[in-house]
């Protein structure tokens, strides 16, 4: 795993520090001091990471993934 300094945030989205992820990792992947989220969808027109606190039914955060983070069918 690379040093966490390699993965510095480039954007603030919905109050969270974000950056484009590692597109070869599928799903949610724990990183040093971060989590990488990657999904593949041929028909998606948008993508958001929806975060819930344990035991809650309402999300505490919805982070829309910018179109600029998309590569082909990968968000």
C-alpha atoms as a PDB file:
ATOM      1  CA  UNK A   1       0.000   0.000   0.000  1.00  0.00           C
ATOM      2  CA  UNK A   2       1.315   3.434  -0.858  1.00  0.00           C
ATOM      3  CA  UNK A   3       1.957   6.124   1.712  1.00  0.00           C
ATOM      4  CA  UNK A   4      -1.233   7.955   2.732  1.00  0.00           C
ATOM      5  CA  UNK A   5       0.327  11.266   1.643  1.00  0.00           C
ATOM      6  CA  UNK A   6      -0.128  10.037  -1.944  1.00  0.00           C
ATOM      7  CA  UNK A   7      -3.889  10.260  -1.444  1.00  0.00           C
ATOM      8  CA  UNK A   8      -4.426  13.866  -0.349  1.00  0.00           C
ATOM      9  CA  UNK A   9      -7.881  15.344  -0.880  1.00  0.00           C
ATOM     10  CA  UNK A  10      -8.429  17.446  -3.989  1.00  0.00           C
ATOM     11  CA  UNK A  11     -12.025  18.482  -3.274  1.00  0.00           C
ATOM     12  CA  UNK A  12     -14.453  19.161  -0.435  1.00  0.00           C
ATOM     13  CA  UNK A  13     -17.840  17.545  -1.185  1.00  0.00           C
ATOM     14  CA  UNK A  14     -20.737  17.690   1.296  1.00  0.00           C
ATOM     15  CA  UNK A  15     -18.202  18.653   3.976  1.00  0.00           C
ATOM     16  CA  UNK A  16     -15.911  15.664   3.327  1.00  0.00           C
ATOM     17  CA  UNK A  17     -12.387  15.702   1.921  1.00  0.00           C
ATOM     18  CA  UNK A  18     -12.475  13.738  -1.348  1.00  0.00           C
ATOM     19  CA  UNK A  19     -10.417  12.870  -4.389  1.00  0.00           C
ATOM     20  CA  UNK A  20     -10.728  10.536  -7.369  1.00  0.00           C
ATOM     21  CA  UNK A  21     -10.182   6.974  -6.232  1.00  0.00           C
ATOM     22  CA  UNK A  22      -8.333   3.888  -7.339  1.00  0.00           C
ATOM     23  CA  UNK A  23     -10.469   2.537 -10.153  1.00  0.00           C
ATOM     24  CA  UNK A  24      -9.027  -0.983 -10.098  1.00  0.00           C
ATOM     25  CA  UNK A  25     -10.379  -1.677  -6.592  1.00  0.00           C
ATOM     26  CA  UNK A  26     -14.020  -2.788  -6.537  1.00  0.00           C
ATOM     27  CA  UNK A  27     -16.471  -1.831  -3.791  1.00  0.00           C
ATOM     28  CA  UNK A  28     -15.367  -0.201  -0.547  1.00  0.00           C
ATOM     29  CA  UNK A  29     -11.690  -0.615   0.330  1.00  0.00           C
ATOM     30  CA  UNK A  30     -10.000   0.548   3.526  1.00  0.00           C
ATOM     31  CA  UNK A  31      -6.930   2.689   2.915  1.00  0.00           C
ATOM     32  CA  UNK A  32      -4.600   4.456   5.325  1.00  0.00           C
ATOM     33  CA  UNK A  33      -6.791   7.191   6.858  1.00  0.00           C
ATOM     34  CA  UNK A  34      -9.371   6.874   4.061  1.00  0.00           C
ATOM     35  CA  UNK A  35     -11.868   4.617   2.299  1.00  0.00           C
ATOM     36  CA  UNK A  36     -11.914   4.070  -1.467  1.00  0.00           C
ATOM     37  CA  UNK A  37     -15.342   3.537  -3.076  1.00  0.00           C
ATOM     38  CA  UNK A  38     -15.573   2.188  -6.637  1.00  0.00           C
ATOM     39  CA  UNK A  39     -18.632   0.995  -8.545  1.00  0.00           C
ATOM     40  CA  UNK A  40     -19.201  -0.082 -12.134  1.00  0.00           C
ATOM     41  CA  UNK A  41     -22.479   0.629 -13.942  1.00  0.00           C
ATOM     42  CA  UNK A  42     -23.124   0.777 -17.662  1.00  0.00           C
ATOM     43  CA  UNK A  43     -26.412   2.649 -17.148  1.00  0.00           C
ATOM     44  CA  UNK A  44     -25.728   5.011 -14.230  1.00  0.00           C
ATOM     45  CA  UNK A  45     -26.327   8.708 -14.787  1.00  0.00           C
ATOM     46  CA  UNK A  46     -24.924   9.643 -11.381  1.00  0.00           C
ATOM     47  CA  UNK A  47     -23.473   8.156  -8.227  1.00  0.00           C
ATOM     48  CA  UNK A  48     -23.460   9.038  -4.524  1.00  0.00           C
ATOM     49  CA  UNK A  49     -21.886   7.525  -1.430  1.00  0.00           C
ATOM     50  CA  UNK A  50     -24.593   7.322   1.250  1.00  0.00           C
ATOM     51  CA  UNK A  51     -23.285   7.003   4.821  1.00  0.00           C
ATOM     52  CA  UNK A  52     -25.259   5.661   7.782  1.00  0.00           C
ATOM     53  CA  UNK A  53     -24.400   5.484  11.459  1.00  0.00           C
ATOM     54  CA  UNK A  54     -24.717   1.998  12.923  1.00  0.00           C
ATOM     55  CA  UNK A  55     -28.360   1.162  13.702  1.00  0.00           C
ATOM     56  CA  UNK A  56     -29.761   4.273  12.002  1.00  0.00           C
ATOM     57  CA  UNK A  57     -32.242   4.200   9.113  1.00  0.00           C
ATOM     58  CA  UNK A  58     -31.555   7.728   7.865  1.00  0.00           C
ATOM     59  CA  UNK A  59     -28.205   8.648   6.300  1.00  0.00           C
ATOM     60  CA  UNK A  60     -26.022  11.178   8.071  1.00  0.00           C
ATOM     61  CA  UNK A  61     -24.281  12.117   4.815  1.00  0.00           C
ATOM     62  CA  UNK A  62     -24.834  11.853   1.080  1.00  0.00           C
ATOM     63  CA  UNK A  63     -21.728  12.531  -0.976  1.00  0.00           C
ATOM     64  CA  UNK A  64     -22.443  12.998  -4.697  1.00  0.00           C
ATOM     65  CA  UNK A  65     -19.572  11.739  -6.829  1.00  0.00           C
ATOM     66  CA  UNK A  66     -18.607  14.361  -9.439  1.00  0.00           C
ATOM     67  CA  UNK A  67     -18.826  13.403 -13.110  1.00  0.00           C
ATOM     68  CA  UNK A  68     -15.149  14.355 -13.355  1.00  0.00           C
ATOM     69  CA  UNK A  69     -14.328  11.311 -11.156  1.00  0.00           C
ATOM     70  CA  UNK A  70     -15.948   8.943 -13.677  1.00  0.00           C
ATOM     71  CA  UNK A  71     -13.912   6.909 -16.157  1.00  0.00           C
ATOM     72  CA  UNK A  72     -16.167   5.098 -18.636  1.00  0.00           C
ATOM     73  CA  UNK A  73     -18.575   2.943 -16.612  1.00  0.00           C
ATOM     74  CA  UNK A  74     -16.531   3.294 -13.419  1.00  0.00           C
ATOM     75  CA  UNK A  75     -17.281   5.798 -10.654  1.00  0.00           C
END
